[in-house]
């Protein structure tokens, strides 16, 4: 079956070089996404319209980005564009090279974007990192001078621990509602989030701890296609 994803999110690491008081993920963990998870996903998907690379701090796992680039090519999975945000606490040559290689295989290069989190909660960034990353053709300053409204902080992770989370997350998606299914193809319009353990979720704004409550499957145990098919909203699927 031909599988297309509108918005795929890969949590390539849970490691981080900061401990931001507002971080919805919670304390960092010593865990990188194994390459076997990347291969399981890319071998199952034919086309990704938009890929979000997240963490943790994505720049701390350049190897995953290199492997992702190679896996996309090896499994003949087409990728339109990607988006990610980094903290730029340090300049990392391996990451710098890897993200350019991923950019090189994207079909919609003008839609690729990497930004730096420069809000009031992140620590001081490296001047070299800022200089080097800002020269990339897909760099965006959208978050570089951003100020986060404290009333919009989700009551998750570190924000909850520090008592600064103001916004309770009430609705967490557990069914796929935006999809198109035929005899030989499946398109998923909803976000598909795959964490560093291979768990599949339909929501990207949960702490590492709370993610466990909303897992709909794991790509190490079951094919991604079957996980998604099993979690299609029944009323629409029946129609």
C-alpha atoms as a PDB file:
ATOM      1  CA  UNK A   1       0.000   0.000   0.000  1.00  0.00           C
ATOM      2  CA  UNK A   2       1.257   3.479  -0.916  1.00  0.00           C
ATOM      3  CA  UNK A   3       1.565   5.495   2.315  1.00  0.00           C
ATOM      4  CA  UNK A   4       1.797   9.300   2.344  1.00  0.00           C
ATOM      5  CA  UNK A   5       2.134  11.454   5.467  1.00  0.00           C
ATOM      6  CA  UNK A   6       1.323  15.146   5.519  1.00  0.00           C
ATOM      7  CA  UNK A   7       3.246  15.914   8.718  1.00  0.00           C
ATOM      8  CA  UNK A   8       5.720  13.428  10.161  1.00  0.00           C
ATOM      9  CA  UNK A   9       7.505  14.336  13.403  1.00  0.00           C
ATOM     10  CA  UNK A  10      10.622  12.406  14.425  1.00  0.00           C
ATOM     11  CA  UNK A  11      11.921  12.767  17.983  1.00  0.00           C
ATOM     12  CA  UNK A  12      15.528  11.910  17.097  1.00  0.00           C
ATOM     13  CA  UNK A  13      16.893  12.411  20.606  1.00  0.00           C
ATOM     14  CA  UNK A  14      15.900  13.030  24.203  1.00  0.00           C
ATOM     15  CA  UNK A  15      19.304  14.445  25.046  1.00  0.00           C
ATOM     16  CA  UNK A  16      19.712  18.177  25.572  1.00  0.00           C
ATOM     17  CA  UNK A  17      22.484  20.564  26.601  1.00  0.00           C
ATOM     18  CA  UNK A  18      20.052  22.898  28.396  1.00  0.00           C
ATOM     19  CA  UNK A  19      17.469  22.606  31.154  1.00  0.00           C
ATOM     20  CA  UNK A  20      14.972  25.283  30.212  1.00  0.00           C
ATOM     21  CA  UNK A  21      12.405  26.005  32.952  1.00  0.00           C
ATOM     22  CA  UNK A  22       9.516  26.023  30.468  1.00  0.00           C
ATOM     23  CA  UNK A  23      10.379  22.878  28.466  1.00  0.00           C
ATOM     24  CA  UNK A  24       7.250  20.807  27.909  1.00  0.00           C
ATOM     25  CA  UNK A  25       9.310  17.633  27.408  1.00  0.00           C
ATOM     26  CA  UNK A  26      10.626  17.607  30.969  1.00  0.00           C
ATOM     27  CA  UNK A  27      14.152  16.629  32.039  1.00  0.00           C
ATOM     28  CA  UNK A  28      16.401  15.368  29.255  1.00  0.00           C
ATOM     29  CA  UNK A  29      17.083  11.648  28.959  1.00  0.00           C
ATOM     30  CA  UNK A  30      20.185   9.834  27.729  1.00  0.00           C
ATOM     31  CA  UNK A  31      18.453   8.401  24.687  1.00  0.00           C
ATOM     32  CA  UNK A  32      18.916   8.770  20.941  1.00  0.00           C
ATOM     33  CA  UNK A  33      16.531   7.336  18.360  1.00  0.00           C
ATOM     34  CA  UNK A  34      18.078   4.069  17.122  1.00  0.00           C
ATOM     35  CA  UNK A  35      18.698   3.913  13.387  1.00  0.00           C
ATOM     36  CA  UNK A  36      16.493   0.832  13.126  1.00  0.00           C
ATOM     37  CA  UNK A  37      13.484   3.026  13.961  1.00  0.00           C
ATOM     38  CA  UNK A  38      14.369   5.456  11.187  1.00  0.00           C
ATOM     39  CA  UNK A  39      14.660   2.561   8.748  1.00  0.00           C
ATOM     40  CA  UNK A  40      11.348   1.045   9.851  1.00  0.00           C
ATOM     41  CA  UNK A  41       9.599   4.355   9.204  1.00  0.00           C
ATOM     42  CA  UNK A  42      11.260   5.218   5.912  1.00  0.00           C
ATOM     43  CA  UNK A  43      10.752   1.725   4.518  1.00  0.00           C
ATOM     44  CA  UNK A  44       7.020   2.046   5.230  1.00  0.00           C
ATOM     45  CA  UNK A  45       6.418   5.545   3.858  1.00  0.00           C
ATOM     46  CA  UNK A  46       6.366   6.497   0.180  1.00  0.00           C
ATOM     47  CA  UNK A  47       6.058  10.262   0.569  1.00  0.00           C
ATOM     48  CA  UNK A  48       6.426  12.806   3.382  1.00  0.00           C
ATOM     49  CA  UNK A  49       5.133  16.282   2.655  1.00  0.00           C
ATOM     50  CA  UNK A  50       6.597  17.921   5.771  1.00  0.00           C
ATOM     51  CA  UNK A  51       9.091  16.465   8.248  1.00  0.00           C
ATOM     52  CA  UNK A  52       9.613  18.009  11.678  1.00  0.00           C
ATOM     53  CA  UNK A  53      12.808  17.014  13.475  1.00  0.00           C
ATOM     54  CA  UNK A  54      12.533  17.405  17.220  1.00  0.00           C
ATOM     55  CA  UNK A  55      14.007  16.343  20.562  1.00  0.00           C
ATOM     56  CA  UNK A  56      15.536  17.034  22.995  1.00  0.00           C
ATOM     57  CA  UNK A  57      18.043  19.124  21.137  1.00  0.00           C
ATOM     58  CA  UNK A  58      18.181  17.887  17.513  1.00  0.00           C
ATOM     59  CA  UNK A  59      21.734  19.122  16.912  1.00  0.00           C
ATOM     60  CA  UNK A  60      22.979  16.602  19.488  1.00  0.00           C
ATOM     61  CA  UNK A  61      22.207  13.671  17.209  1.00  0.00           C
ATOM     62  CA  UNK A  62      23.763  14.500  13.858  1.00  0.00           C
ATOM     63  CA  UNK A  63      24.223  10.776  13.185  1.00  0.00           C
ATOM     64  CA  UNK A  64      20.436  10.337  13.072  1.00  0.00           C
ATOM     65  CA  UNK A  65      20.114  13.097  10.493  1.00  0.00           C
ATOM     66  CA  UNK A  66      22.834  11.551   8.332  1.00  0.00           C
ATOM     67  CA  UNK A  67      21.098   8.187   8.615  1.00  0.00           C
ATOM     68  CA  UNK A  68      17.709   9.730   7.884  1.00  0.00           C
ATOM     69  CA  UNK A  69      19.046  11.268   4.690  1.00  0.00           C
ATOM     70  CA  UNK A  70      20.507   7.938   3.567  1.00  0.00           C
ATOM     71  CA  UNK A  71      17.428   5.968   4.583  1.00  0.00           C
ATOM     72  CA  UNK A  72      15.114   8.254   2.610  1.00  0.00           C
ATOM     73  CA  UNK A  73      17.253   7.666  -0.485  1.00  0.00           C
ATOM     74  CA  UNK A  74      17.727   3.931   0.079  1.00  0.00           C
ATOM     75  CA  UNK A  75      14.022   3.234   0.584  1.00  0.00           C
ATOM     76  CA  UNK A  76      12.986   5.524  -2.273  1.00  0.00           C
ATOM     77  CA  UNK A  77      10.851   7.680   0.011  1.00  0.00           C
ATOM     78  CA  UNK A  78      10.361  11.200  -1.334  1.00  0.00           C
ATOM     79  CA  UNK A  79      10.549  14.163   1.071  1.00  0.00           C
ATOM     80  CA  UNK A  80       9.242  17.624   0.281  1.00  0.00           C
ATOM     81  CA  UNK A  81      10.661  19.683   3.159  1.00  0.00           C
ATOM     82  CA  UNK A  82      11.684  19.770   6.810  1.00  0.00           C
ATOM     83  CA  UNK A  83      11.420  22.093   9.814  1.00  0.00           C
ATOM     84  CA  UNK A  84      13.387  22.144  13.064  1.00  0.00           C
ATOM     85  CA  UNK A  85      14.414  24.460  15.884  1.00  0.00           C
ATOM     86  CA  UNK A  86      17.751  24.278  17.712  1.00  0.00           C
ATOM     87  CA  UNK A  87      19.187  26.145  20.696  1.00  0.00           C
ATOM     88  CA  UNK A  88      22.599  26.969  19.128  1.00  0.00           C
ATOM     89  CA  UNK A  89      24.369  26.706  22.472  1.00  0.00           C
ATOM     90  CA  UNK A  90      27.330  25.307  20.551  1.00  0.00           C
ATOM     91  CA  UNK A  91      28.322  25.074  16.907  1.00  0.00           C
ATOM     92  CA  UNK A  92      28.396  21.437  15.798  1.00  0.00           C
ATOM     93  CA  UNK A  93      30.130  20.768  12.494  1.00  0.00           C
ATOM     94  CA  UNK A  94      28.652  17.282  12.155  1.00  0.00           C
ATOM     95  CA  UNK A  95      25.131  18.624  12.502  1.00  0.00           C
ATOM     96  CA  UNK A  96      25.899  21.533  10.148  1.00  0.00           C
ATOM     97  CA  UNK A  97      27.020  19.099   7.454  1.00  0.00           C
ATOM     98  CA  UNK A  98      24.219  16.601   8.073  1.00  0.00           C
ATOM     99  CA  UNK A  99      21.363  19.095   7.836  1.00  0.00           C
ATOM    100  CA  UNK A 100      22.732  20.415   4.533  1.00  0.00           C
ATOM    101  CA  UNK A 101      22.813  16.882   3.169  1.00  0.00           C
ATOM    102  CA  UNK A 102      19.180  16.369   4.192  1.00  0.00           C
ATOM    103  CA  UNK A 103      18.302  19.666   2.522  1.00  0.00           C
ATOM    104  CA  UNK A 104      19.980  18.490  -0.680  1.00  0.00           C
ATOM    105  CA  UNK A 105      17.442  15.686  -1.206  1.00  0.00           C
ATOM    106  CA  UNK A 106      14.295  17.696  -0.426  1.00  0.00           C
ATOM    107  CA  UNK A 107      11.945  18.316  -3.332  1.00  0.00           C
ATOM    108  CA  UNK A 108      10.570  21.649  -2.070  1.00  0.00           C
ATOM    109  CA  UNK A 109      13.746  23.339  -0.870  1.00  0.00           C
ATOM    110  CA  UNK A 110      12.058  26.728  -0.555  1.00  0.00           C
ATOM    111  CA  UNK A 111       9.803  25.311   2.169  1.00  0.00           C
ATOM    112  CA  UNK A 112      12.661  23.927   4.304  1.00  0.00           C
ATOM    113  CA  UNK A 113      13.306  25.861   7.488  1.00  0.00           C
ATOM    114  CA  UNK A 114      15.627  25.784  10.498  1.00  0.00           C
ATOM    115  CA  UNK A 115      15.335  28.362  13.262  1.00  0.00           C
ATOM    116  CA  UNK A 116      17.077  29.101  16.560  1.00  0.00           C
ATOM    117  CA  UNK A 117      15.138  29.311  19.818  1.00  0.00           C
ATOM    118  CA  UNK A 118      16.187  32.707  21.165  1.00  0.00           C
ATOM    119  CA  UNK A 119      13.336  33.271  23.622  1.00  0.00           C
ATOM    120  CA  UNK A 120      13.633  34.433  27.230  1.00  0.00           C
ATOM    121  CA  UNK A 121      13.921  30.884  28.581  1.00  0.00           C
ATOM    122  CA  UNK A 122      16.821  29.594  26.515  1.00  0.00           C
ATOM    123  CA  UNK A 123      20.367  30.280  27.605  1.00  0.00           C
ATOM    124  CA  UNK A 124      23.105  32.163  25.805  1.00  0.00           C
ATOM    125  CA  UNK A 125      23.791  30.998  22.261  1.00  0.00           C
ATOM    126  CA  UNK A 126      27.189  30.601  20.639  1.00  0.00           C
ATOM    127  CA  UNK A 127      28.151  33.513  18.377  1.00  0.00           C
ATOM    128  CA  UNK A 128      29.884  31.077  16.032  1.00  0.00           C
ATOM    129  CA  UNK A 129      26.778  28.903  15.883  1.00  0.00           C
ATOM    130  CA  UNK A 130      24.610  31.917  15.085  1.00  0.00           C
ATOM    131  CA  UNK A 131      27.010  33.109  12.388  1.00  0.00           C
ATOM    132  CA  UNK A 132      27.391  29.706  10.759  1.00  0.00           C
ATOM    133  CA  UNK A 133      23.779  28.545  10.924  1.00  0.00           C
ATOM    134  CA  UNK A 134      22.380  31.894   9.755  1.00  0.00           C
ATOM    135  CA  UNK A 135      24.311  31.494   6.484  1.00  0.00           C
ATOM    136  CA  UNK A 136      22.392  28.359   5.551  1.00  0.00           C
ATOM    137  CA  UNK A 137      19.903  28.899   2.702  1.00  0.00           C
ATOM    138  CA  UNK A 138      17.063  27.442   4.760  1.00  0.00           C
ATOM    139  CA  UNK A 139      17.763  29.415   7.962  1.00  0.00           C
ATOM    140  CA  UNK A 140      14.837  31.391   9.413  1.00  0.00           C
ATOM    141  CA  UNK A 141      15.004  34.001  12.193  1.00  0.00           C
ATOM    142  CA  UNK A 142      11.345  33.359  13.092  1.00  0.00           C
ATOM    143  CA  UNK A 143      12.182  32.211  16.642  1.00  0.00           C
ATOM    144  CA  UNK A 144      15.470  34.048  17.069  1.00  0.00           C
ATOM    145  CA  UNK A 145      13.992  37.039  18.893  1.00  0.00           C
ATOM    146  CA  UNK A 146      10.746  35.435  19.998  1.00  0.00           C
ATOM    147  CA  UNK A 147       9.224  36.208  23.387  1.00  0.00           C
ATOM    148  CA  UNK A 148       6.893  33.534  24.729  1.00  0.00           C
ATOM    149  CA  UNK A 149       3.633  34.608  26.353  1.00  0.00           C
ATOM    150  CA  UNK A 150       3.700  32.946  29.771  1.00  0.00           C
ATOM    151  CA  UNK A 151      -0.063  32.432  29.569  1.00  0.00           C
ATOM    152  CA  UNK A 152       0.541  30.104  26.628  1.00  0.00           C
ATOM    153  CA  UNK A 153       2.960  27.796  28.453  1.00  0.00           C
ATOM    154  CA  UNK A 154       1.566  24.281  28.527  1.00  0.00           C
ATOM    155  CA  UNK A 155       1.363  22.711  31.975  1.00  0.00           C
ATOM    156  CA  UNK A 156       3.709  19.919  30.938  1.00  0.00           C
ATOM    157  CA  UNK A 157       7.207  18.790  31.811  1.00  0.00           C
ATOM    158  CA  UNK A 158       9.500  21.433  33.325  1.00  0.00           C
ATOM    159  CA  UNK A 159       6.825  24.141  33.172  1.00  0.00           C
ATOM    160  CA  UNK A 160       4.622  21.992  35.373  1.00  0.00           C
ATOM    161  CA  UNK A 161       7.493  21.118  37.701  1.00  0.00           C
ATOM    162  CA  UNK A 162       8.417  24.801  38.065  1.00  0.00           C
ATOM    163  CA  UNK A 163       4.837  25.954  38.516  1.00  0.00           C
ATOM    164  CA  UNK A 164       4.849  28.239  35.468  1.00  0.00           C
ATOM    165  CA  UNK A 165       2.638  26.168  33.157  1.00  0.00           C
ATOM    166  CA  UNK A 166      -0.590  28.101  32.692  1.00  0.00           C
ATOM    167  CA  UNK A 167      -2.381  26.204  29.955  1.00  0.00           C
ATOM    168  CA  UNK A 168      -3.757  22.744  30.633  1.00  0.00           C
ATOM    169  CA  UNK A 169      -3.745  20.411  27.641  1.00  0.00           C
ATOM    170  CA  UNK A 170      -7.250  18.983  27.703  1.00  0.00           C
ATOM    171  CA  UNK A 171      -7.699  17.430  24.280  1.00  0.00           C
ATOM    172  CA  UNK A 172      -5.092  14.920  23.110  1.00  0.00           C
ATOM    173  CA  UNK A 173      -5.745  13.330  19.728  1.00  0.00           C
ATOM    174  CA  UNK A 174      -6.015   9.550  19.842  1.00  0.00           C
ATOM    175  CA  UNK A 175      -7.761   8.831  16.516  1.00  0.00           C
ATOM    176  CA  UNK A 176      -6.840   9.736  12.953  1.00  0.00           C
ATOM    177  CA  UNK A 177      -9.592  11.927  11.541  1.00  0.00           C
ATOM    178  CA  UNK A 178      -7.944  13.423   8.448  1.00  0.00           C
ATOM    179  CA  UNK A 179      -7.191  10.617   6.013  1.00  0.00           C
ATOM    180  CA  UNK A 180      -7.965   9.152   2.627  1.00  0.00           C
ATOM    181  CA  UNK A 181      -8.050   5.386   2.174  1.00  0.00           C
ATOM    182  CA  UNK A 182      -8.346   3.432  -1.062  1.00  0.00           C
ATOM    183  CA  UNK A 183      -7.585  -0.158  -1.955  1.00  0.00           C
ATOM    184  CA  UNK A 184      -3.946   0.641  -2.688  1.00  0.00           C
ATOM    185  CA  UNK A 185      -3.162   3.919  -0.908  1.00  0.00           C
ATOM    186  CA  UNK A 186      -3.391   5.627   2.461  1.00  0.00           C
ATOM    187  CA  UNK A 187      -2.926   9.352   3.015  1.00  0.00           C
ATOM    188  CA  UNK A 188      -2.721  10.703   6.576  1.00  0.00           C
ATOM    189  CA  UNK A 189      -3.415  14.414   6.937  1.00  0.00           C
ATOM    190  CA  UNK A 190      -3.069  14.410  10.722  1.00  0.00           C
ATOM    191  CA  UNK A 191       0.284  14.779  12.437  1.00  0.00           C
ATOM    192  CA  UNK A 192       2.126  11.505  13.097  1.00  0.00           C
ATOM    193  CA  UNK A 193       4.684  11.685  15.918  1.00  0.00           C
ATOM    194  CA  UNK A 194       7.274   8.951  16.429  1.00  0.00           C
ATOM    195  CA  UNK A 195       9.367   9.224  19.560  1.00  0.00           C
ATOM    196  CA  UNK A 196      12.886   8.024  20.306  1.00  0.00           C
ATOM    197  CA  UNK A 197      11.537   4.678  21.520  1.00  0.00           C
ATOM    198  CA  UNK A 198       9.577   4.012  18.333  1.00  0.00           C
ATOM    199  CA  UNK A 199       6.216   4.801  19.917  1.00  0.00           C
ATOM    200  CA  UNK A 200       3.633   6.345  17.582  1.00  0.00           C
ATOM    201  CA  UNK A 201       1.431   9.196  18.795  1.00  0.00           C
ATOM    202  CA  UNK A 202      -0.927  11.688  17.189  1.00  0.00           C
ATOM    203  CA  UNK A 203       0.092  14.660  19.338  1.00  0.00           C
ATOM    204  CA  UNK A 204       3.421  16.481  19.543  1.00  0.00           C
ATOM    205  CA  UNK A 205       2.871  18.588  22.691  1.00  0.00           C
ATOM    206  CA  UNK A 206       3.338  16.060  25.469  1.00  0.00           C
ATOM    207  CA  UNK A 207       6.107  15.519  28.002  1.00  0.00           C
ATOM    208  CA  UNK A 208       8.281  12.430  27.718  1.00  0.00           C
ATOM    209  CA  UNK A 209       6.409  11.010  30.728  1.00  0.00           C
ATOM    210  CA  UNK A 210       2.874  11.785  29.508  1.00  0.00           C
ATOM    211  CA  UNK A 211       3.543  10.398  26.038  1.00  0.00           C
ATOM    212  CA  UNK A 212       3.194   6.906  27.485  1.00  0.00           C
ATOM    213  CA  UNK A 213      -0.545   7.426  28.030  1.00  0.00           C
ATOM    214  CA  UNK A 214      -1.308   8.097  24.370  1.00  0.00           C
ATOM    215  CA  UNK A 215       0.804   5.625  22.426  1.00  0.00           C
ATOM    216  CA  UNK A 216      -1.123   3.965  19.583  1.00  0.00           C
ATOM    217  CA  UNK A 217       1.592   1.488  18.606  1.00  0.00           C
ATOM    218  CA  UNK A 218       5.331   0.975  18.211  1.00  0.00           C
ATOM    219  CA  UNK A 219       7.146   0.630  14.877  1.00  0.00           C
ATOM    220  CA  UNK A 220       9.566  -1.915  16.345  1.00  0.00           C
ATOM    221  CA  UNK A 221       6.675  -4.262  17.051  1.00  0.00           C
ATOM    222  CA  UNK A 222       4.317  -3.597  14.165  1.00  0.00           C
ATOM    223  CA  UNK A 223       4.366  -2.079  10.681  1.00  0.00           C
ATOM    224  CA  UNK A 224       3.580   1.653  10.673  1.00  0.00           C
ATOM    225  CA  UNK A 225       0.887   1.125   8.060  1.00  0.00           C
ATOM    226  CA  UNK A 226      -0.965  -1.333  10.303  1.00  0.00           C
ATOM    227  CA  UNK A 227      -0.725   0.988  13.306  1.00  0.00           C
ATOM    228  CA  UNK A 228      -2.247   3.834  11.325  1.00  0.00           C
ATOM    229  CA  UNK A 229      -4.967   1.691   9.748  1.00  0.00           C
ATOM    230  CA  UNK A 230      -5.997   0.408  13.157  1.00  0.00           C
ATOM    231  CA  UNK A 231      -6.410   3.933  14.505  1.00  0.00           C
ATOM    232  CA  UNK A 232      -8.462   5.498  11.718  1.00  0.00           C
ATOM    233  CA  UNK A 233     -11.616   7.121  13.024  1.00  0.00           C
ATOM    234  CA  UNK A 234     -14.202   4.381  12.728  1.00  0.00           C
ATOM    235  CA  UNK A 235     -17.165   6.469  11.565  1.00  0.00           C
ATOM    236  CA  UNK A 236     -15.264   7.873   8.590  1.00  0.00           C
ATOM    237  CA  UNK A 237     -13.568   4.565   7.851  1.00  0.00           C
ATOM    238  CA  UNK A 238     -16.919   2.785   7.729  1.00  0.00           C
ATOM    239  CA  UNK A 239     -18.346   5.447   5.430  1.00  0.00           C
END
